[in-house]
Amino acid sequence: MMLAVSLLLATGSPVVSAPAVAGAAQAAPTIVRLGPRSGKLKFQAFSRLTDPFGDFGSWRGEVAIPNNDLSRASVMIRVELSTINTSNTKRDTHLQNADFFNVPKWPVAVFNAKGLKPLGKNRYQVSGQLKMMGQTKALSFPATILWREGKLSVKADFKIDRTLWGMTGYLSAFSMNPIKKGVRILFDLKS
């Protein structure tokens, strides 16, 4: 009714709407919750001396799937950056300072996406926004996603350019261990 009134005001013409069908209310979407027990949210950085892997100990995610339709799903992932773990305490502490994540100022990264574009054979293009270090930038990547009998499985392996979010530490070839712009993100999650 509200849509019909809005269209009437916008166009000046009456809008004929179909009568409401009893019981045709849309079902609430299925909500799938993800977190560290679902699998690992990992990354890999590349430098002159080493290419360490890391992960985050505290993160949570939520996928809302309306009518079992992944093409209409919405995704939210929230990562507590202070829980970074590369199996090296000194490096983990350094990654939290202003050279990298600047955790005291920006303690959380959040990714949001709406709708998954089917690519065929359980592959989807996930496109959304990643907010990290006070910057919100578009992020799109392919993922293998299975949704069967209320169980969700998501796998992805892609690279991002860390400098897009202002992470510019140790880029210079003159630093002791220059770190490349490209950071690999990989995960294998199951609900």
Protein backbone atom coordinates (compact mmCIF):
# COMPACT_ATOMS: atom_id res chain seq x y z
CA MET A 1 0.00 0.00 0.00
CA MET A 2 2.84 2.37 0.91
CA LEU A 3 4.50 1.66 -2.45
CA ALA A 4 1.23 2.42 -4.27
CA VAL A 5 0.86 5.73 -2.39
CA SER A 6 4.50 6.63 -3.15
CA LEU A 7 4.02 5.86 -6.85
CA LEU A 8 0.78 7.84 -6.92
CA LEU A 9 2.52 10.87 -5.43
CA ALA A 10 5.53 10.50 -7.75
CA THR A 11 3.59 9.98 -10.99
CA GLY A 12 0.26 11.62 -10.28
CA SER A 13 -1.46 8.48 -11.63
CA PRO A 14 -3.24 5.83 -9.58
CA VAL A 15 -1.47 2.48 -9.24
CA VAL A 16 -3.48 -0.72 -9.25
CA SER A 17 -1.99 -3.30 -6.96
CA ALA A 18 -2.84 -6.98 -6.70
CA PRO A 19 -4.83 -8.00 -3.65
CA ALA A 20 -2.81 -9.41 -0.79
CA VAL A 21 -2.77 -13.19 -0.62
CA ALA A 22 -3.39 -14.59 2.83
CA GLY A 23 -0.37 -16.49 4.18
CA ALA A 24 1.93 -15.20 1.42
CA ALA A 25 4.19 -13.43 3.88
CA GLN A 26 7.82 -13.93 3.00
CA ALA A 27 9.69 -16.31 5.29
CA ALA A 28 12.53 -14.91 7.35
CA PRO A 29 15.95 -15.68 5.86
CA THR A 30 18.00 -18.54 7.25
CA ILE A 31 20.83 -17.13 9.38
CA VAL A 32 24.13 -19.03 9.43
CA ARG A 33 26.65 -17.95 12.05
CA LEU A 34 30.40 -18.44 11.55
CA GLY A 35 33.41 -17.96 13.80
CA PRO A 36 36.79 -19.41 14.77
CA ARG A 37 35.23 -22.84 15.42
CA SER A 38 33.96 -22.85 11.82
CA GLY A 39 37.48 -22.81 10.39
CA LYS A 40 40.37 -20.43 9.89
CA LEU A 41 40.39 -16.93 8.45
CA LYS A 42 44.02 -16.74 7.29
CA PHE A 43 46.39 -14.45 5.43
CA GLN A 44 49.90 -14.64 4.01
CA ALA A 45 52.30 -11.73 3.56
CA PHE A 46 55.29 -11.81 1.20
CA SER A 47 58.69 -10.28 1.95
CA ARG A 48 62.35 -10.60 1.09
CA LEU A 49 63.13 -12.86 4.07
CA THR A 50 59.97 -14.84 4.77
CA ASP A 51 56.37 -15.39 3.62
CA PRO A 52 54.56 -15.98 6.93
CA PHE A 53 50.98 -17.15 7.36
CA GLY A 54 48.77 -15.70 10.04
CA ASP A 55 45.21 -15.85 11.30
CA PHE A 56 42.87 -14.10 13.72
CA GLY A 57 41.72 -15.73 16.96
CA SER A 58 38.54 -13.67 17.34
CA TRP A 59 36.15 -13.04 14.48
CA ARG A 60 32.51 -13.68 13.76
CA GLY A 61 30.37 -13.82 10.69
CA GLU A 62 26.77 -14.04 9.69
CA VAL A 63 25.26 -15.11 6.38
CA ALA A 64 21.55 -14.45 5.79
CA ILE A 65 20.08 -16.64 3.04
CA PRO A 66 16.52 -15.76 1.93
CA ASN A 67 14.51 -18.70 0.53
CA ASN A 68 17.70 -20.82 0.16
CA ASP A 69 18.83 -18.44 -2.62
CA LEU A 70 22.57 -17.68 -2.38
CA SER A 71 22.25 -15.05 -5.11
CA ARG A 72 20.24 -12.97 -2.59
CA ALA A 73 22.40 -13.76 0.46
CA SER A 74 23.98 -11.07 2.62
CA VAL A 75 27.31 -11.53 4.41
CA MET A 76 28.91 -9.78 7.38
CA ILE A 77 32.34 -10.67 8.81
CA ARG A 78 33.82 -8.78 11.79
CA VAL A 79 37.48 -9.36 12.76
CA GLU A 80 39.14 -8.32 16.04
CA LEU A 81 42.56 -7.29 14.71
CA SER A 82 44.28 -7.47 18.12
CA THR A 83 43.94 -11.28 17.94
CA ILE A 84 46.40 -11.55 15.04
CA ASN A 85 48.64 -14.64 15.26
CA THR A 86 51.62 -15.40 13.01
CA SER A 87 53.30 -17.76 15.54
CA ASN A 88 55.83 -15.04 16.37
CA THR A 89 54.96 -12.78 19.32
CA LYS A 90 57.37 -10.00 18.31
CA ARG A 91 55.98 -9.90 14.76
CA ASP A 92 52.38 -10.03 16.05
CA THR A 93 53.04 -7.01 18.29
CA HIS A 94 54.66 -5.12 15.38
CA LEU A 95 51.70 -5.89 13.08
CA GLN A 96 49.41 -4.16 15.58
CA ASN A 97 51.31 -0.84 15.50
CA ALA A 98 50.95 2.11 13.11
CA ASP A 99 53.24 0.53 10.49
CA PHE A 100 50.51 -2.01 9.76
CA PHE A 101 47.01 -2.46 11.29
CA ASN A 102 47.25 0.41 13.84
CA VAL A 103 45.07 -1.60 16.24
CA PRO A 104 44.93 1.07 19.00
CA LYS A 105 43.18 3.41 16.54
CA TRP A 106 41.35 0.85 14.33
CA PRO A 107 40.71 -2.35 16.37
CA VAL A 108 38.16 -3.93 14.02
CA ALA A 109 37.82 -4.79 10.31
CA VAL A 110 34.34 -5.43 8.86
CA PHE A 111 33.35 -6.92 5.51
CA ASN A 112 29.76 -6.63 4.20
CA ALA A 113 28.36 -8.06 0.96
CA LYS A 114 24.86 -8.34 -0.50
CA GLY A 115 24.04 -10.94 -3.16
CA LEU A 116 26.41 -13.51 -4.58
CA LYS A 117 26.84 -13.69 -8.37
CA PRO A 118 26.70 -17.30 -9.60
CA LEU A 119 29.70 -18.30 -11.76
CA GLY A 120 28.73 -21.97 -12.19
CA LYS A 121 29.83 -25.22 -10.51
CA ASN A 122 29.28 -23.90 -6.94
CA ARG A 123 31.45 -20.85 -7.67
CA TYR A 124 30.25 -17.34 -6.81
CA GLN A 125 31.65 -13.83 -7.09
CA VAL A 126 31.40 -12.20 -3.66
CA SER A 127 31.36 -8.40 -3.91
CA GLY A 128 31.12 -6.01 -1.01
CA GLN A 129 32.90 -3.41 1.10
CA LEU A 130 35.82 -3.94 3.49
CA LYS A 131 36.20 -1.32 6.20
CA MET A 132 39.66 -1.41 7.74
CA MET A 133 41.91 1.28 9.22
CA GLY A 134 39.21 3.93 8.74
CA GLN A 135 38.96 3.27 4.99
CA THR A 136 36.04 1.56 3.25
CA LYS A 137 36.94 0.05 -0.11
CA ALA A 138 35.24 -2.28 -2.58
CA LEU A 139 36.39 -5.88 -2.37
CA SER A 140 35.39 -8.64 -4.78
CA PHE A 141 36.64 -12.23 -4.93
CA PRO A 142 35.60 -15.67 -6.22
CA ALA A 143 34.60 -18.35 -3.72
CA THR A 144 33.36 -21.92 -3.75
CA ILE A 145 30.14 -21.99 -1.75
CA LEU A 146 27.98 -25.02 -0.96
CA TRP A 147 24.59 -24.65 0.74
CA ARG A 148 22.87 -27.97 1.37
CA GLU A 149 20.43 -29.15 4.03
CA GLY A 150 21.13 -26.15 6.26
CA LYS A 151 24.92 -26.54 6.07
CA LEU A 152 27.19 -23.89 4.57
CA SER A 153 30.72 -24.41 3.27
CA VAL A 154 32.83 -21.50 1.94
CA LYS A 155 36.35 -21.66 0.46
CA ALA A 156 38.32 -18.78 -1.04
CA ASP A 157 41.91 -17.89 -1.89
CA PHE A 158 42.65 -14.41 -3.33
CA LYS A 159 44.92 -11.38 -2.92
CA ILE A 160 44.28 -7.81 -1.80
CA ASP A 161 46.48 -4.72 -2.06
CA ARG A 162 47.07 -3.67 1.56
CA THR A 163 48.01 -0.12 0.54
CA LEU A 164 44.40 0.60 -0.53
CA TRP A 165 43.51 0.74 3.18
CA GLY A 166 46.55 2.88 4.06
CA MET A 167 48.80 0.04 5.22
CA THR A 168 52.09 1.28 3.80
CA GLY A 169 54.68 0.05 6.30
CA TYR A 170 57.88 -1.56 5.01
CA LEU A 171 57.23 -1.02 1.30
CA SER A 172 60.59 0.58 0.55
CA ALA A 173 63.24 -1.58 -1.07
CA PHE A 174 65.69 0.15 1.32
CA SER A 175 64.07 -1.35 4.44
CA MET A 176 65.71 -4.44 5.95
CA ASN A 177 62.81 -6.67 4.96
CA PRO A 178 60.49 -4.99 2.41
CA ILE A 179 56.96 -6.43 2.40
CA LYS A 180 54.99 -6.60 -0.84
CA LYS A 181 51.67 -4.80 -1.34
CA GLY A 182 49.80 -7.99 -2.17
CA VAL A 183 48.50 -10.00 0.79
CA ARG A 184 46.93 -13.41 0.27
CA ILE A 185 43.59 -14.04 2.03
CA LEU A 186 42.41 -17.62 2.35
CA PHE A 187 39.73 -19.42 4.29
CA ASP A 188 37.89 -22.72 4.47
CA LEU A 189 34.76 -22.41 6.61
CA LYS A 190 31.95 -24.79 7.48
CA SER A 191 28.84 -24.18 9.56
